[in-house]
């Protein structure tokens, strides 16, 4: 999910990128509370029919679902923010493992799109990928917006 905000001055821009999340904390709990009795009933039915090996498989499936939902919740607060203000382009990233802050001179930074669709900022011989949580079309839109705003800021 991307949020692009241009401020009143022609050179001010704020882009916030967050990973898409279909379910929030309450819905994740609801899914587990709904599926636990259902999986238990199905497992008990197979045990009564003599097909007991199905029960551990259902328990593994429920455990896998729980781990997946836990991973989604763990990354629910992740974001990447790109801010162009005056002569600085700031990139802030947050995920559970670390926070990262990058600062570029807006006169020198270049927006680069590679053949595989990745978007990067290049400055002083180094490249920094941005927009990893975006779809291809969102990445193209963000790249276009960054290029046009940086071009206006340079003149």
N, C-alpha and C. Protein backbone atom coordinates (compact mmCIF):
# COMPACT_ATOMS: atom_id res chain seq x y z
N UNK A 1 0.85 -1.16 0.00
CA UNK A 1 0.00 0.00 0.00
C UNK A 1 0.90 1.23 0.00
N UNK A 2 0.58 2.17 -0.84
CA UNK A 2 1.41 3.37 -0.97
C UNK A 2 0.54 4.60 -0.76
N UNK A 3 1.11 5.59 -0.09
CA UNK A 3 0.43 6.86 0.15
C UNK A 3 1.38 7.97 -0.31
N UNK A 4 0.99 8.68 -1.37
CA UNK A 4 1.82 9.76 -1.92
C UNK A 4 1.15 11.08 -1.60
N UNK A 5 1.87 11.95 -0.90
CA UNK A 5 1.33 13.26 -0.52
C UNK A 5 2.29 14.33 -1.01
N UNK A 6 1.78 15.23 -1.83
CA UNK A 6 2.56 16.39 -2.26
C UNK A 6 2.06 17.60 -1.48
N UNK A 7 2.99 18.34 -0.90
CA UNK A 7 2.62 19.52 -0.12
C UNK A 7 2.51 20.72 -1.05
N UNK A 8 2.17 21.86 -0.48
CA UNK A 8 1.94 23.08 -1.27
C UNK A 8 3.15 23.49 -2.11
N UNK A 9 4.37 23.52 -1.55
CA UNK A 9 5.50 23.86 -2.41
C UNK A 9 5.70 22.76 -3.46
N UNK A 10 6.14 23.15 -4.62
CA UNK A 10 6.29 22.19 -5.72
C UNK A 10 7.35 21.14 -5.43
N UNK A 11 8.24 21.40 -4.47
CA UNK A 11 9.34 20.47 -4.22
C UNK A 11 9.13 19.59 -3.00
N UNK A 12 8.03 19.72 -2.27
CA UNK A 12 7.81 18.91 -1.07
C UNK A 12 7.01 17.67 -1.43
N UNK A 13 7.47 16.52 -0.93
CA UNK A 13 6.83 15.25 -1.25
C UNK A 13 7.03 14.29 -0.09
N UNK A 14 6.01 13.50 0.21
CA UNK A 14 6.12 12.44 1.23
C UNK A 14 5.46 11.19 0.69
N UNK A 15 6.21 10.10 0.62
CA UNK A 15 5.69 8.81 0.15
C UNK A 15 5.85 7.82 1.30
N UNK A 16 4.76 7.19 1.69
CA UNK A 16 4.80 6.18 2.74
C UNK A 16 4.35 4.85 2.15
N UNK A 17 5.18 3.84 2.34
CA UNK A 17 4.90 2.50 1.83
C UNK A 17 4.72 1.56 3.02
N UNK A 18 3.60 0.86 3.04
CA UNK A 18 3.34 -0.15 4.07
C UNK A 18 2.96 -1.45 3.39
N UNK A 19 3.33 -2.59 3.98
CA UNK A 19 2.93 -3.86 3.38
C UNK A 19 1.41 -4.05 3.50
N UNK A 20 0.83 -4.67 2.48
CA UNK A 20 -0.61 -4.96 2.52
C UNK A 20 -0.89 -6.02 3.58
N UNK A 21 -1.93 -5.81 4.35
CA UNK A 21 -2.33 -6.77 5.37
C UNK A 21 -3.84 -6.90 5.33
N UNK A 22 -4.32 -8.07 4.98
CA UNK A 22 -5.76 -8.28 4.83
C UNK A 22 -6.47 -8.40 6.17
N UNK A 23 -5.76 -8.80 7.21
CA UNK A 23 -6.40 -9.00 8.51
C UNK A 23 -5.64 -8.25 9.59
N UNK A 24 -6.39 -7.64 10.52
CA UNK A 24 -5.75 -6.99 11.66
C UNK A 24 -5.74 -7.95 12.85
N UNK A 25 -5.30 -7.49 14.02
CA UNK A 25 -5.15 -8.34 15.19
C UNK A 25 -6.42 -9.04 15.62
N UNK A 26 -7.54 -8.34 15.62
CA UNK A 26 -8.81 -8.94 16.02
C UNK A 26 -9.25 -10.03 15.05
N UNK A 27 -9.08 -9.80 13.76
CA UNK A 27 -9.47 -10.79 12.76
C UNK A 27 -8.59 -12.02 12.81
N UNK A 28 -7.31 -11.85 13.12
CA UNK A 28 -6.42 -13.01 13.23
C UNK A 28 -6.89 -13.91 14.37
N UNK A 29 -7.23 -13.32 15.51
CA UNK A 29 -7.72 -14.09 16.64
C UNK A 29 -9.05 -14.76 16.29
N UNK A 30 -9.92 -14.05 15.59
CA UNK A 30 -11.21 -14.60 15.19
C UNK A 30 -11.03 -15.82 14.29
N UNK A 31 -10.09 -15.73 13.34
CA UNK A 31 -9.83 -16.86 12.44
C UNK A 31 -9.38 -18.08 13.22
N UNK A 32 -8.46 -17.88 14.16
CA UNK A 32 -7.97 -19.01 14.95
C UNK A 32 -9.06 -19.59 15.85
N UNK A 33 -9.85 -18.73 16.49
CA UNK A 33 -10.94 -19.21 17.36
C UNK A 33 -11.99 -19.95 16.55
N UNK A 34 -12.22 -19.53 15.32
CA UNK A 34 -13.20 -20.20 14.46
C UNK A 34 -12.67 -21.54 13.96
N UNK A 35 -11.39 -21.60 13.59
CA UNK A 35 -10.85 -22.81 13.00
C UNK A 35 -10.46 -23.88 14.01
N UNK A 36 -10.12 -23.50 15.24
CA UNK A 36 -9.72 -24.49 16.23
C UNK A 36 -10.81 -25.53 16.49
N UNK A 37 -12.06 -25.13 16.80
CA UNK A 37 -13.09 -26.16 17.00
C UNK A 37 -13.40 -26.94 15.72
N UNK A 38 -13.35 -26.26 14.58
CA UNK A 38 -13.63 -26.94 13.31
C UNK A 38 -12.58 -28.01 13.04
N UNK A 39 -11.30 -27.67 13.18
CA UNK A 39 -10.24 -28.65 12.96
C UNK A 39 -10.31 -29.77 14.00
N UNK A 40 -10.65 -29.43 15.24
CA UNK A 40 -10.78 -30.44 16.30
C UNK A 40 -11.90 -31.42 15.98
N UNK A 41 -13.03 -30.92 15.52
CA UNK A 41 -14.16 -31.79 15.17
C UNK A 41 -13.81 -32.69 13.99
N UNK A 42 -13.17 -32.14 12.99
CA UNK A 42 -12.77 -32.95 11.83
C UNK A 42 -11.77 -34.02 12.26
N UNK A 43 -10.79 -33.63 13.07
CA UNK A 43 -9.80 -34.59 13.56
C UNK A 43 -10.44 -35.69 14.39
N UNK A 44 -11.38 -35.31 15.27
CA UNK A 44 -12.07 -36.31 16.10
C UNK A 44 -12.88 -37.27 15.21
N UNK A 45 -13.50 -36.73 14.19
CA UNK A 45 -14.26 -37.59 13.26
C UNK A 45 -13.38 -38.61 12.57
N UNK A 46 -12.22 -38.20 12.11
CA UNK A 46 -11.31 -39.15 11.46
C UNK A 46 -10.76 -40.17 12.45
N UNK A 47 -10.49 -39.74 13.70
CA UNK A 47 -10.01 -40.68 14.72
C UNK A 47 -11.09 -41.74 14.99
N UNK A 48 -12.35 -41.32 15.10
CA UNK A 48 -13.45 -42.27 15.33
C UNK A 48 -13.62 -43.24 14.16
N UNK A 49 -13.29 -42.81 12.96
CA UNK A 49 -13.38 -43.68 11.78
C UNK A 49 -12.14 -44.57 11.63
N UNK A 50 -11.16 -44.39 12.49
CA UNK A 50 -9.95 -45.22 12.44
C UNK A 50 -8.83 -44.63 11.62
N UNK A 51 -9.02 -43.45 11.09
CA UNK A 51 -7.98 -42.79 10.29
C UNK A 51 -7.24 -41.77 11.16
N UNK A 52 -6.65 -42.27 12.24
CA UNK A 52 -6.03 -41.38 13.21
C UNK A 52 -4.86 -40.56 12.67
N UNK A 53 -4.11 -41.00 11.62
CA UNK A 53 -3.00 -40.16 11.14
C UNK A 53 -3.44 -38.81 10.58
N UNK A 54 -4.73 -38.63 10.30
CA UNK A 54 -5.19 -37.34 9.79
C UNK A 54 -5.16 -36.28 10.88
N UNK A 55 -5.40 -36.67 12.14
CA UNK A 55 -5.46 -35.72 13.25
C UNK A 55 -4.15 -34.94 13.43
N UNK A 56 -2.97 -35.60 13.44
CA UNK A 56 -1.74 -34.82 13.56
C UNK A 56 -1.52 -33.87 12.37
N UNK A 57 -1.96 -34.29 11.18
CA UNK A 57 -1.82 -33.41 10.02
C UNK A 57 -2.67 -32.15 10.18
N UNK A 58 -3.87 -32.30 10.73
CA UNK A 58 -4.72 -31.13 10.98
C UNK A 58 -4.09 -30.22 12.03
N UNK A 59 -3.48 -30.83 13.06
CA UNK A 59 -2.80 -30.03 14.09
C UNK A 59 -1.63 -29.27 13.48
N UNK A 60 -0.88 -29.92 12.58
CA UNK A 60 0.23 -29.23 11.90
C UNK A 60 -0.28 -28.10 11.02
N UNK A 61 -1.41 -28.32 10.35
CA UNK A 61 -1.99 -27.27 9.51
C UNK A 61 -2.40 -26.07 10.35
N UNK A 62 -3.03 -26.32 11.49
CA UNK A 62 -3.44 -25.23 12.38
C UNK A 62 -2.22 -24.51 12.95
N UNK A 63 -1.18 -25.26 13.29
CA UNK A 63 0.06 -24.64 13.77
C UNK A 63 0.71 -23.78 12.70
N UNK A 64 0.69 -24.26 11.46
CA UNK A 64 1.24 -23.47 10.35
C UNK A 64 0.46 -22.19 10.13
N UNK A 65 -0.86 -22.29 10.23
CA UNK A 65 -1.70 -21.09 10.11
C UNK A 65 -1.39 -20.10 11.22
N UNK A 66 -1.23 -20.59 12.43
CA UNK A 66 -0.89 -19.73 13.56
C UNK A 66 0.45 -19.04 13.33
N UNK A 67 1.45 -19.79 12.86
CA UNK A 67 2.76 -19.18 12.60
C UNK A 67 2.67 -18.12 11.49
N UNK A 68 1.90 -18.41 10.45
CA UNK A 68 1.74 -17.44 9.36
C UNK A 68 1.06 -16.17 9.84
N UNK A 69 0.00 -16.31 10.63
CA UNK A 69 -0.70 -15.13 11.15
C UNK A 69 0.19 -14.35 12.12
N UNK A 70 1.02 -15.06 12.87
CA UNK A 70 1.95 -14.39 13.79
C UNK A 70 2.98 -13.57 13.01
N UNK A 71 3.44 -14.12 11.88
CA UNK A 71 4.39 -13.40 11.03
C UNK A 71 3.76 -12.14 10.44
N UNK A 72 2.50 -12.25 10.01
CA UNK A 72 1.78 -11.08 9.48
C UNK A 72 1.67 -10.01 10.55
N UNK A 73 1.32 -10.42 11.78
CA UNK A 73 1.20 -9.45 12.87
C UNK A 73 2.54 -8.82 13.21
N UNK A 74 3.59 -9.60 13.13
CA UNK A 74 4.93 -9.10 13.45
C UNK A 74 5.34 -7.98 12.50
N UNK A 75 4.92 -8.07 11.24
CA UNK A 75 5.30 -7.08 10.25
C UNK A 75 4.21 -6.05 9.97
N UNK A 76 3.17 -6.01 10.79
CA UNK A 76 2.07 -5.07 10.56
C UNK A 76 2.51 -3.61 10.68
N UNK A 77 3.52 -3.33 11.48
CA UNK A 77 3.97 -1.96 11.68
C UNK A 77 5.12 -1.54 10.78
N UNK A 78 5.52 -2.38 9.84
CA UNK A 78 6.62 -2.04 8.94
C UNK A 78 6.22 -0.87 8.05
N UNK A 79 7.17 -0.04 7.73
CA UNK A 79 6.93 1.04 6.77
C UNK A 79 8.24 1.51 6.16
N UNK A 80 8.10 2.19 5.04
CA UNK A 80 9.22 2.87 4.39
C UNK A 80 8.69 4.25 4.00
N UNK A 81 9.38 5.29 4.43
CA UNK A 81 8.93 6.66 4.16
C UNK A 81 10.03 7.39 3.40
N UNK A 82 9.63 8.01 2.29
CA UNK A 82 10.54 8.81 1.47
C UNK A 82 10.03 10.24 1.53
N UNK A 83 10.87 11.15 2.00
CA UNK A 83 10.47 12.55 2.16
C UNK A 83 11.46 13.43 1.41
N UNK A 84 10.92 14.27 0.53
CA UNK A 84 11.73 15.26 -0.16
C UNK A 84 11.37 16.62 0.41
N UNK A 85 12.34 17.25 1.02
CA UNK A 85 12.11 18.55 1.64
C UNK A 85 13.35 19.40 1.39
N UNK A 86 13.15 20.53 0.74
CA UNK A 86 14.24 21.44 0.39
C UNK A 86 15.27 20.71 -0.46
N UNK A 87 16.51 20.60 0.01
CA UNK A 87 17.56 19.97 -0.79
C UNK A 87 17.93 18.58 -0.27
N UNK A 88 17.06 17.96 0.53
CA UNK A 88 17.33 16.65 1.11
C UNK A 88 16.27 15.65 0.72
N UNK A 89 16.69 14.44 0.43
CA UNK A 89 15.78 13.32 0.22
C UNK A 89 16.06 12.33 1.34
N UNK A 90 15.07 12.13 2.21
CA UNK A 90 15.23 11.27 3.38
C UNK A 90 14.47 9.97 3.17
N UNK A 91 15.09 8.86 3.53
CA UNK A 91 14.44 7.55 3.46
C UNK A 91 14.53 6.93 4.85
N UNK A 92 13.37 6.63 5.43
CA UNK A 92 13.31 5.95 6.73
C UNK A 92 12.63 4.61 6.54
N UNK A 93 13.24 3.57 7.08
CA UNK A 93 12.67 2.22 7.03
C UNK A 93 12.55 1.69 8.44
N UNK A 94 11.44 0.98 8.68
CA UNK A 94 11.25 0.36 9.99
C UNK A 94 10.72 -1.05 9.80
N UNK A 95 11.37 -2.02 10.44
CA UNK A 95 10.84 -3.37 10.54
C UNK A 95 11.25 -3.91 11.91
N UNK A 96 10.77 -5.07 12.32
CA UNK A 96 11.05 -5.55 13.67
C UNK A 96 12.53 -5.74 13.98
N UNK A 97 13.35 -5.95 12.97
CA UNK A 97 14.77 -6.20 13.22
C UNK A 97 15.59 -4.93 13.36
N UNK A 98 15.25 -3.89 12.59
CA UNK A 98 16.07 -2.68 12.66
C UNK A 98 15.35 -1.48 12.05
N UNK A 99 15.86 -0.32 12.39
CA UNK A 99 15.44 0.93 11.78
C UNK A 99 16.60 1.45 10.96
N UNK A 100 16.28 2.05 9.83
CA UNK A 100 17.32 2.55 8.94
C UNK A 100 16.96 3.96 8.49
N UNK A 101 17.94 4.84 8.49
CA UNK A 101 17.73 6.21 8.05
C UNK A 101 18.81 6.55 7.01
N UNK A 102 18.37 6.94 5.82
CA UNK A 102 19.28 7.34 4.75
C UNK A 102 18.97 8.77 4.36
N UNK A 103 20.01 9.51 4.04
CA UNK A 103 19.83 10.91 3.65
C UNK A 103 20.64 11.17 2.39
N UNK A 104 19.97 11.77 1.40
CA UNK A 104 20.60 12.05 0.11
C UNK A 104 20.48 13.54 -0.20
N UNK A 105 21.42 14.05 -0.96
CA UNK A 105 21.32 15.40 -1.49
C UNK A 105 20.42 15.29 -2.72
N UNK A 106 19.33 16.04 -2.75
CA UNK A 106 18.35 15.91 -3.84
C UNK A 106 18.91 16.34 -5.19
N UNK A 107 20.00 17.10 -5.21
CA UNK A 107 20.61 17.50 -6.48
C UNK A 107 21.42 16.37 -7.11
N UNK A 108 21.87 15.41 -6.29
CA UNK A 108 22.74 14.36 -6.78
C UNK A 108 22.04 13.01 -6.93
N UNK A 109 20.98 12.79 -6.22
CA UNK A 109 20.35 11.46 -6.23
C UNK A 109 19.62 11.21 -7.54
N UNK A 110 19.69 9.98 -8.02
CA UNK A 110 19.00 9.56 -9.23
C UNK A 110 18.04 8.42 -8.89
N UNK A 111 16.89 8.42 -9.54
CA UNK A 111 15.93 7.33 -9.39
C UNK A 111 16.17 6.36 -10.53
N UNK A 112 16.45 5.10 -10.19
CA UNK A 112 16.82 4.08 -11.18
C UNK A 112 15.79 2.95 -11.14
N UNK A 113 15.33 2.54 -12.33
CA UNK A 113 14.46 1.38 -12.46
C UNK A 113 15.21 0.33 -13.26
N UNK A 114 15.33 -0.87 -12.69
CA UNK A 114 16.04 -1.94 -13.36
C UNK A 114 15.07 -2.77 -14.21
N UNK A 115 15.62 -3.61 -15.07
CA UNK A 115 14.81 -4.43 -15.95
C UNK A 115 13.89 -5.40 -15.23
N UNK A 116 14.28 -5.83 -14.03
CA UNK A 116 13.43 -6.75 -13.26
C UNK A 116 12.35 -6.02 -12.47
N UNK A 117 12.25 -4.70 -12.64
CA UNK A 117 11.19 -3.92 -12.00
C UNK A 117 11.56 -3.32 -10.66
N UNK A 118 12.78 -3.55 -10.18
CA UNK A 118 13.16 -2.98 -8.90
C UNK A 118 13.44 -1.49 -9.04
N UNK A 119 13.16 -0.77 -7.98
CA UNK A 119 13.34 0.68 -7.93
C UNK A 119 14.46 0.97 -6.94
N UNK A 120 15.35 1.88 -7.29
CA UNK A 120 16.49 2.18 -6.42
C UNK A 120 16.83 3.65 -6.51
N UNK A 121 17.50 4.13 -5.47
CA UNK A 121 18.05 5.48 -5.44
C UNK A 121 19.56 5.34 -5.56
N UNK A 122 20.16 6.09 -6.49
CA UNK A 122 21.59 6.01 -6.73
C UNK A 122 22.22 7.36 -6.41
N UNK A 123 23.30 7.31 -5.64
CA UNK A 123 24.03 8.52 -5.31
C UNK A 123 25.47 8.16 -4.96
N UNK A 124 26.40 8.88 -5.53
CA UNK A 124 27.83 8.70 -5.25
C UNK A 124 28.29 7.26 -5.46
N UNK A 125 27.79 6.61 -6.51
CA UNK A 125 28.23 5.26 -6.85
C UNK A 125 27.57 4.14 -6.09
N UNK A 126 26.66 4.45 -5.18
CA UNK A 126 25.97 3.41 -4.41
C UNK A 126 24.49 3.41 -4.76
N UNK A 127 23.89 2.23 -4.74
CA UNK A 127 22.45 2.10 -5.00
C UNK A 127 21.75 1.56 -3.77
N UNK A 128 20.57 2.12 -3.50
CA UNK A 128 19.78 1.70 -2.36
C UNK A 128 18.38 1.35 -2.85
N UNK A 129 17.98 0.07 -2.77
CA UNK A 129 16.64 -0.31 -3.25
C UNK A 129 15.55 0.28 -2.36
N UNK A 130 14.46 0.69 -2.97
CA UNK A 130 13.30 1.22 -2.25
C UNK A 130 12.03 0.58 -2.82
N UNK A 131 10.96 0.61 -2.04
CA UNK A 131 9.67 0.15 -2.53
C UNK A 131 9.56 -1.35 -2.69
N UNK A 132 10.22 -2.12 -1.84
CA UNK A 132 10.17 -3.58 -1.97
C UNK A 132 8.78 -4.15 -1.70
N UNK A 133 7.96 -3.46 -0.92
CA UNK A 133 6.61 -3.94 -0.60
C UNK A 133 5.56 -3.48 -1.60
N UNK A 134 5.99 -2.86 -2.69
CA UNK A 134 5.05 -2.34 -3.69
C UNK A 134 4.83 -3.33 -4.82
N UNK A 135 3.67 -3.22 -5.43
CA UNK A 135 3.42 -3.98 -6.65
C UNK A 135 4.18 -3.30 -7.79
N UNK A 136 4.25 -3.98 -8.93
CA UNK A 136 4.98 -3.41 -10.07
C UNK A 136 4.39 -2.07 -10.51
N UNK A 137 3.06 -1.98 -10.60
CA UNK A 137 2.44 -0.73 -11.04
C UNK A 137 2.64 0.39 -10.01
N UNK A 138 2.59 0.05 -8.72
CA UNK A 138 2.84 1.06 -7.68
C UNK A 138 4.29 1.54 -7.74
N UNK A 139 5.22 0.60 -8.00
CA UNK A 139 6.63 0.96 -8.10
C UNK A 139 6.87 1.92 -9.27
N UNK A 140 6.18 1.67 -10.39
CA UNK A 140 6.30 2.57 -11.55
C UNK A 140 5.76 3.95 -11.20
N UNK A 141 4.61 4.00 -10.51
CA UNK A 141 4.01 5.29 -10.13
C UNK A 141 4.91 6.06 -9.16
N UNK A 142 5.47 5.35 -8.17
CA UNK A 142 6.37 6.00 -7.21
C UNK A 142 7.62 6.50 -7.92
N UNK A 143 8.19 5.71 -8.81
CA UNK A 143 9.37 6.14 -9.55
C UNK A 143 9.09 7.37 -10.39
N UNK A 144 7.94 7.38 -11.07
CA UNK A 144 7.56 8.52 -11.91
C UNK A 144 7.39 9.77 -11.05
N UNK A 145 6.71 9.64 -9.91
CA UNK A 145 6.48 10.78 -9.01
C UNK A 145 7.80 11.30 -8.45
N UNK A 146 8.68 10.40 -8.04
CA UNK A 146 9.98 10.82 -7.51
C UNK A 146 10.81 11.55 -8.58
N UNK A 147 10.84 10.99 -9.78
CA UNK A 147 11.61 11.63 -10.86
C UNK A 147 11.09 13.04 -11.17
N UNK A 148 9.77 13.17 -11.29
CA UNK A 148 9.22 14.48 -11.65
C UNK A 148 9.41 15.49 -10.52
N UNK A 149 9.24 15.08 -9.28
CA UNK A 149 9.42 16.01 -8.16
C UNK A 149 10.89 16.40 -8.01
N UNK A 150 11.81 15.43 -8.19
CA UNK A 150 13.23 15.78 -8.12
C UNK A 150 13.63 16.71 -9.27
N UNK A 151 13.06 16.50 -10.44
CA UNK A 151 13.36 17.40 -11.58
C UNK A 151 12.88 18.82 -11.28
N UNK A 152 11.69 18.96 -10.69
CA UNK A 152 11.19 20.30 -10.33
C UNK A 152 12.06 20.94 -9.26
N UNK A 153 12.57 20.12 -8.35
CA UNK A 153 13.39 20.65 -7.24
C UNK A 153 14.74 21.15 -7.74
N UNK A 154 15.21 20.59 -8.84
CA UNK A 154 16.53 20.98 -9.36
C UNK A 154 16.50 22.29 -10.12
N UNK A 155 15.31 22.70 -10.57
CA UNK A 155 15.23 23.94 -11.37
C UNK A 155 14.51 25.02 -10.65
